[in-house]
C-alpha atoms as a PDB file:
ATOM      1  CA  MET A   1     110.070 194.351 130.616  1.00  0.00           C
ATOM      2  CA  LYS A   2     110.324 192.458 127.300  1.00  0.00           C
ATOM      3  CA  THR A   3     113.914 191.413 128.072  1.00  0.00           C
ATOM      4  CA  GLU A   4     112.958 190.425 131.611  1.00  0.00           C
ATOM      5  CA  LEU A   5     110.025 188.300 130.393  1.00  0.00           C
ATOM      6  CA  LYS A   6     112.177 186.558 127.795  1.00  0.00           C
ATOM      7  CA  SER A   7     114.724 185.809 130.504  1.00  0.00           C
ATOM      8  CA  LEU A   8     112.011 184.284 132.725  1.00  0.00           C
ATOM      9  CA  ILE A   9     110.737 182.158 129.837  1.00  0.00           C
ATOM     10  CA  LEU A  10     114.237 180.868 129.072  1.00  0.00           C
ATOM     11  CA  GLN A  11     114.861 180.181 132.766  1.00  0.00           C
ATOM     12  CA  LYS A  12     111.731 178.037 132.996  1.00  0.00           C
ATOM     13  CA  ILE A  13     112.616 176.154 129.807  1.00  0.00           C
ATOM     14  CA  LYS A  14     116.018 175.311 131.283  1.00  0.00           C
ATOM     15  CA  LYS A  15     114.798 174.596 134.821  1.00  0.00           C
ATOM     16  CA  THR A  16     111.978 172.253 133.742  1.00  0.00           C
ATOM     17  CA  ASN A  17     113.890 170.844 130.740  1.00  0.00           C
ATOM     18  CA  LEU A  18     111.149 171.711 128.260  1.00  0.00           C
ATOM     19  CA  LYS A  19     112.111 170.314 124.863  1.00  0.00           C
ATOM     20  CA  SER A  20     108.936 171.702 123.286  1.00  0.00           C
ATOM     21  CA  PHE A  21     106.594 174.277 124.722  1.00  0.00           C
ATOM     22  CA  SER A  22     103.536 176.447 124.163  1.00  0.00           C
ATOM     23  CA  CYS A  23     102.168 179.649 125.680  1.00  0.00           C
ATOM     24  CA  TYR A  24     100.312 177.569 128.257  1.00  0.00           C
ATOM     25  CA  ASP A  25     103.612 176.426 129.781  1.00  0.00           C
ATOM     26  CA  PHE A  26     104.301 180.013 130.896  1.00  0.00           C
ATOM     27  CA  VAL A  27     100.947 181.404 132.041  1.00  0.00           C
ATOM     28  CA  ASP A  28     102.267 181.285 135.610  1.00  0.00           C
ATOM     29  CA  ILE A  29     104.776 183.964 134.556  1.00  0.00           C
ATOM     30  CA  ALA A  30     102.562 186.404 132.638  1.00  0.00           C
ATOM     31  CA  PRO A  31      99.123 186.586 130.923  1.00  0.00           C
ATOM     32  CA  TYR A  32      98.599 184.385 127.854  1.00  0.00           C
ATOM     33  CA  LYS A  33      98.556 187.252 125.322  1.00  0.00           C
ATOM     34  CA  THR A  34     101.763 188.702 126.764  1.00  0.00           C
ATOM     35  CA  ILE A  35     103.507 185.317 126.541  1.00  0.00           C
ATOM     36  CA  SER A  36     102.210 184.830 122.992  1.00  0.00           C
ATOM     37  CA  LYS A  37     103.686 188.172 121.881  1.00  0.00           C
ATOM     38  CA  SER A  38     107.002 187.343 123.549  1.00  0.00           C
ATOM     39  CA  LEU A  39     107.225 183.942 121.833  1.00  0.00           C
ATOM     40  CA  GLU A  40     106.397 185.576 118.481  1.00  0.00           C
ATOM     41  CA  ARG A  41     109.266 188.040 118.982  1.00  0.00           C
ATOM     42  CA  MET A  42     111.628 185.213 119.969  1.00  0.00           C
ATOM     43  CA  GLU A  43     110.620 183.294 116.837  1.00  0.00           C
ATOM     44  CA  ASP A  44     111.179 186.360 114.645  1.00  0.00           C
ATOM     45  CA  ALA A  45     114.631 186.744 116.229  1.00  0.00           C
ATOM     46  CA  GLY A  46     115.450 183.097 115.445  1.00  0.00           C
ATOM     47  CA  GLU A  47     115.764 182.151 119.128  1.00  0.00           C
ATOM     48  CA  ILE A  48     112.956 179.609 118.964  1.00  0.00           C
ATOM     49  CA  LYS A  49     111.469 177.522 116.151  1.00  0.00           C
ATOM     50  CA  ARG A  50     107.816 176.755 115.461  1.00  0.00           C
ATOM     51  CA  ILE A  51     107.097 173.008 115.149  1.00  0.00           C
ATOM     52  CA  ILE A  52     103.358 173.336 114.522  1.00  0.00           C
ATOM     53  CA  TYR A  53     100.990 176.196 115.237  1.00  0.00           C
ATOM     54  CA  GLY A  54     101.317 177.102 118.920  1.00  0.00           C
ATOM     55  CA  VAL A  55     104.141 174.662 119.693  1.00  0.00           C
ATOM     56  CA  TYR A  56     107.805 175.727 119.726  1.00  0.00           C
ATOM     57  CA  CYS A  57     111.298 174.526 120.568  1.00  0.00           C
ATOM     58  CA  LEU A  58     114.614 176.281 121.072  1.00  0.00           C
ATOM     59  CA  SER A  59     116.634 176.910 117.920  1.00  0.00           C
ATOM     60  CA  LEU A  60     119.533 174.530 118.548  1.00  0.00           C
ATOM     61  CA  PHE A  61     122.021 173.067 116.058  1.00  0.00           C
ATOM     62  CA  ASP A  62     124.233 169.982 116.202  1.00  0.00           C
ATOM     63  CA  GLU A  63     127.626 171.136 114.911  1.00  0.00           C
ATOM     64  CA  VAL A  64     128.851 167.557 114.431  1.00  0.00           C
ATOM     65  CA  LEU A  65     125.867 166.252 112.460  1.00  0.00           C
ATOM     66  CA  LYS A  66     125.165 169.663 110.916  1.00  0.00           C
ATOM     67  CA  LEU A  67     121.462 169.249 111.691  1.00  0.00           C
ATOM     68  CA  PRO A  68     118.961 171.146 113.838  1.00  0.00           C
ATOM     69  CA  ILE A  69     118.262 169.575 117.241  1.00  0.00           C
ATOM     70  CA  LEU A  70     114.529 168.913 117.430  1.00  0.00           C
ATOM     71  CA  PRO A  71     112.373 167.441 120.211  1.00  0.00           C
ATOM     72  CA  SER A  72     111.030 163.917 119.795  1.00  0.00           C
ATOM     73  CA  ILE A  73     107.504 163.351 118.519  1.00  0.00           C
ATOM     74  CA  ASP A  74     106.651 161.940 121.947  1.00  0.00           C
ATOM     75  CA  ASP A  75     107.788 165.191 123.541  1.00  0.00           C
ATOM     76  CA  VAL A  76     105.700 167.215 121.095  1.00  0.00           C
ATOM     77  CA  ALA A  77     102.700 164.972 121.813  1.00  0.00           C
ATOM     78  CA  ASN A  78     103.066 165.637 125.530  1.00  0.00           C
ATOM     79  CA  CYS A  79     103.356 169.385 124.887  1.00  0.00           C
ATOM     80  CA  ILE A  80     100.105 169.327 122.898  1.00  0.00           C
ATOM     81  CA  ALA A  81      98.463 167.354 125.716  1.00  0.00           C
ATOM     82  CA  ARG A  82      99.639 169.881 128.315  1.00  0.00           C
ATOM     83  CA  LYS A  83      98.338 172.705 126.136  1.00  0.00           C
ATOM     84  CA  HIS A  84      94.841 171.193 125.980  1.00  0.00           C
ATOM     85  CA  LYS A  85      94.909 169.611 129.458  1.00  0.00           C
ATOM     86  CA  TRP A  86      94.504 166.093 128.047  1.00  0.00           C
ATOM     87  CA  SER A  87      95.710 162.890 129.670  1.00  0.00           C
ATOM     88  CA  ILE A  88      97.454 160.751 127.046  1.00  0.00           C
ATOM     89  CA  CYS A  89      99.222 157.424 126.707  1.00  0.00           C
ATOM     90  CA  PRO A  90     101.171 155.811 123.835  1.00  0.00           C
ATOM     91  CA  SER A  91      99.188 152.955 122.306  1.00  0.00           C
ATOM     92  CA  GLY A  92      99.590 150.159 119.764  1.00  0.00           C
ATOM     93  CA  ASN A  93     102.975 149.705 118.123  1.00  0.00           C
ATOM     94  CA  LEU A  94     104.262 152.926 119.695  1.00  0.00           C
ATOM     95  CA  ALA A  95     103.769 151.456 123.183  1.00  0.00           C
ATOM     96  CA  LEU A  96     105.582 148.272 122.093  1.00  0.00           C
ATOM     97  CA  ASN A  97     108.447 150.355 120.695  1.00  0.00           C
ATOM     98  CA  ILE A  98     108.824 152.413 123.882  1.00  0.00           C
ATOM     99  CA  MET A  99     108.867 149.279 126.061  1.00  0.00           C
ATOM    100  CA  GLY A 100     111.408 147.512 123.856  1.00  0.00           C
ATOM    101  CA  LEU A 101     109.018 144.870 122.491  1.00  0.00           C
ATOM    102  CA  SER A 102     109.434 146.141 118.932  1.00  0.00           C
ATOM    103  CA  THR A 103     112.308 147.798 117.098  1.00  0.00           C
ATOM    104  CA  GLN A 104     110.051 148.902 114.252  1.00  0.00           C
ATOM    105  CA  VAL A 105     109.463 152.644 114.075  1.00  0.00           C
ATOM    106  CA  PRO A 106     105.666 153.087 113.939  1.00  0.00           C
ATOM    107  CA  ALA A 107     104.200 154.642 110.799  1.00  0.00           C
ATOM    108  CA  THR A 108     101.728 156.513 112.993  1.00  0.00           C
ATOM    109  CA  TYR A 109     102.464 157.812 116.464  1.00  0.00           C
ATOM    110  CA  SER A 110      99.220 156.856 118.157  1.00  0.00           C
ATOM    111  CA  TYR A 111      98.069 157.981 121.611  1.00  0.00           C
ATOM    112  CA  LEU A 112      94.969 157.325 123.652  1.00  0.00           C
ATOM    113  CA  SER A 113      93.596 160.626 124.901  1.00  0.00           C
ATOM    114  CA  SER A 114      90.999 162.044 127.253  1.00  0.00           C
ATOM    115  CA  GLY A 115      90.469 164.761 124.628  1.00  0.00           C
ATOM    116  CA  PRO A 116      88.855 164.665 121.173  1.00  0.00           C
ATOM    117  CA  TYR A 117      90.170 162.814 118.127  1.00  0.00           C
ATOM    118  CA  LYS A 118      92.971 164.891 116.576  1.00  0.00           C
ATOM    119  CA  GLU A 119      95.628 164.391 113.909  1.00  0.00           C
ATOM    120  CA  TYR A 120      98.842 166.334 113.325  1.00  0.00           C
ATOM    121  CA  PHE A 121     101.853 165.930 111.059  1.00  0.00           C
ATOM    122  CA  ILE A 122     105.188 166.307 112.845  1.00  0.00           C
ATOM    123  CA  TYR A 123     108.393 166.073 110.758  1.00  0.00           C
ATOM    124  CA  SER A 124     106.282 164.349 108.032  1.00  0.00           C
ATOM    125  CA  ASN A 125     105.077 161.746 110.550  1.00  0.00           C
ATOM    126  CA  LYS A 126     101.436 161.306 111.506  1.00  0.00           C
ATOM    127  CA  LEU A 127     100.609 161.970 115.167  1.00  0.00           C
ATOM    128  CA  CYS A 128      97.164 160.745 116.158  1.00  0.00           C
ATOM    129  CA  PHE A 129      95.209 161.243 119.384  1.00  0.00           C
ATOM    130  CA  LYS A 130      92.345 158.766 119.780  1.00  0.00           C
ATOM    131  CA  ARG A 131      89.641 159.530 122.304  1.00  0.00           C
ATOM    132  CA  THR A 132      89.060 156.914 124.970  1.00  0.00           C
ATOM    133  CA  MET A 133      86.888 156.698 128.068  1.00  0.00           C
ATOM    134  CA  ALA A 134      88.328 158.596 131.021  1.00  0.00           C
ATOM    135  CA  LYS A 135      88.396 155.452 133.173  1.00  0.00           C
ATOM    136  CA  GLU A 136      90.796 153.852 130.672  1.00  0.00           C
ATOM    137  CA  ILE A 137      93.490 156.501 131.076  1.00  0.00           C
ATOM    138  CA  ILE A 138      93.006 158.660 134.183  1.00  0.00           C
ATOM    139  CA  ASN A 139      94.311 157.653 137.622  1.00  0.00           C
ATOM    140  CA  TYR A 140      96.980 155.324 136.232  1.00  0.00           C
ATOM    141  CA  SER A 141     100.713 155.971 136.360  1.00  0.00           C
ATOM    142  CA  TYR A 142     102.527 156.268 133.028  1.00  0.00           C
ATOM    143  CA  LYS A 143     104.267 152.888 133.260  1.00  0.00           C
ATOM    144  CA  THR A 144     101.033 151.116 134.235  1.00  0.00           C
ATOM    145  CA  LEU A 145      99.301 152.591 131.178  1.00  0.00           C
ATOM    146  CA  LEU A 146     102.190 151.509 128.944  1.00  0.00           C
ATOM    147  CA  LEU A 147     102.077 148.016 130.412  1.00  0.00           C
ATOM    148  CA  ILE A 148      98.339 147.688 129.777  1.00  0.00           C
ATOM    149  CA  GLN A 149      98.675 148.974 126.208  1.00  0.00           C
ATOM    150  CA  CYS A 150     101.519 146.556 125.440  1.00  0.00           C
ATOM    151  CA  ILE A 151      99.485 143.614 126.725  1.00  0.00           C
ATOM    152  CA  LYS A 152      96.375 144.674 124.777  1.00  0.00           C
ATOM    153  CA  THR A 153      98.363 145.242 121.575  1.00  0.00           C
ATOM    154  CA  LEU A 154     100.103 141.844 121.720  1.00  0.00           C
ATOM    155  CA  GLY A 155      96.995 139.946 122.770  1.00  0.00           C
ATOM    156  CA  LYS A 156      96.699 137.133 125.301  1.00  0.00           C
ATOM    157  CA  GLU A 157      97.912 134.441 122.889  1.00  0.00           C
ATOM    158  CA  ASN A 158     101.201 136.264 122.220  1.00  0.00           C
ATOM    159  CA  ILE A 159     102.233 136.853 125.824  1.00  0.00           C
ATOM    160  CA  ASN A 160     104.918 134.242 126.484  1.00  0.00           C
ATOM    161  CA  ASN A 161     107.622 133.885 129.105  1.00  0.00           C
ATOM    162  CA  ASP A 162     110.117 135.930 127.055  1.00  0.00           C
ATOM    163  CA  VAL A 163     107.673 138.863 126.909  1.00  0.00           C
ATOM    164  CA  ILE A 164     106.996 138.601 130.648  1.00  0.00           C
ATOM    165  CA  ILE A 165     110.721 138.646 131.455  1.00  0.00           C
ATOM    166  CA  LEU A 166     111.352 141.619 129.142  1.00  0.00           C
ATOM    167  CA  LEU A 167     108.544 143.650 130.692  1.00  0.00           C
ATOM    168  CA  LYS A 168     109.643 142.635 134.182  1.00  0.00           C
ATOM    169  CA  ASN A 169     113.100 144.048 133.457  1.00  0.00           C
ATOM    170  CA  LYS A 170     111.624 147.299 132.101  1.00  0.00           C
ATOM    171  CA  LEU A 171     109.838 148.076 135.368  1.00  0.00           C
ATOM    172  CA  SER A 172     111.305 149.238 138.650  1.00  0.00           C
ATOM    173  CA  ASN A 173     110.048 147.750 141.896  1.00  0.00           C
ATOM    174  CA  GLU A 174     108.081 150.962 142.439  1.00  0.00           C
ATOM    175  CA  ASP A 175     106.523 150.635 138.952  1.00  0.00           C
ATOM    176  CA  LYS A 176     105.450 147.071 139.781  1.00  0.00           C
ATOM    177  CA  GLU A 177     103.914 148.037 143.101  1.00  0.00           C
ATOM    178  CA  LYS A 178     101.910 150.806 141.408  1.00  0.00           C
ATOM    179  CA  ALA A 179     100.783 148.497 138.592  1.00  0.00           C
ATOM    180  CA  LEU A 180      99.496 145.903 141.061  1.00  0.00           C
ATOM    181  CA  LYS A 181      97.558 148.528 143.022  1.00  0.00           C
ATOM    182  CA  GLU A 182      96.207 150.388 139.981  1.00  0.00           C
ATOM    183  CA  THR A 183      94.928 147.375 138.012  1.00  0.00           C
ATOM    184  CA  LEU A 184      92.752 145.665 140.636  1.00  0.00           C
ATOM    185  CA  ALA A 185      89.633 146.305 138.532  1.00  0.00           C
ATOM    186  CA  THR A 186      91.249 145.659 135.139  1.00  0.00           C
ATOM    187  CA  THR A 187      90.006 142.922 132.786  1.00  0.00           C
ATOM    188  CA  ILE A 188      90.816 139.551 134.379  1.00  0.00           C
ATOM    189  CA  TRP A 189      93.181 138.188 131.705  1.00  0.00           C
ATOM    190  CA  ILE A 190      95.151 141.455 131.612  1.00  0.00           C
ATOM    191  CA  ARG A 191      95.312 141.543 135.407  1.00  0.00           C
ATOM    192  CA  ASP A 192      96.607 137.947 135.499  1.00  0.00           C
ATOM    193  CA  ILE A 193      99.460 138.831 133.133  1.00  0.00           C
ATOM    194  CA  ILE A 194     100.305 141.953 135.137  1.00  0.00           C
ATOM    195  CA  VAL A 195     100.468 139.850 138.307  1.00  0.00           C
ATOM    196  CA  SER A 196     102.855 137.463 136.522  1.00  0.00           C
ATOM    197  CA  ILE A 197     105.067 140.397 135.566  1.00  0.00           C
ATOM    198  CA  CYS A 198     104.960 142.237 138.875  1.00  0.00           C
ATOM    199  CA  LYS A 199     104.615 139.603 141.581  1.00  0.00           C
ATOM    200  CA  GLU A 200     108.345 139.151 142.152  1.00  0.00           C
ATOM    201  CA  LYS A 201     110.748 141.992 142.841  1.00  0.00           C
ATOM    202  CA  LEU A 202     114.092 142.002 141.032  1.00  0.00           C
END
């Protein structure tokens, strides 16, 4: 049974391309306590690696670079969010970095969250979840949330034609259609910029 459960866990990791995972990612396979014991055994056997308490990744190694292969901080953040059933979105300089508006690696990986304020340290980097009102984060697609956060972070006075063109090129036609539909009740100046970005298909 132990071997069978481990096989099912590994199958799901591969099938859903989980870079980082917790017990909660496998509760459709077996009860939480059973999964927890199985992950502990896999960690003891060196098959998986603990990133922080309750969050793991596969023990993989890059033979060329001679370094362990670890999931990104963004992937770990999303794993933590899944674990606690939070909705999250990159904010501030992290949002700018993801959308190509900044090449600077943020000192703090900051996310808006429907959950409580939490801080973690991942690979010596600070990961911060900041609580926001549910209406600010729920019922938006990921790209729409990123777009709003980029606009808020830059501020109205710093949104020029170059920024509009860059963001336009980062969004698919489907992303633009969703953004236009999802931001009808957004603050007027933000909505106006989104319309400028999304009104013409590429």
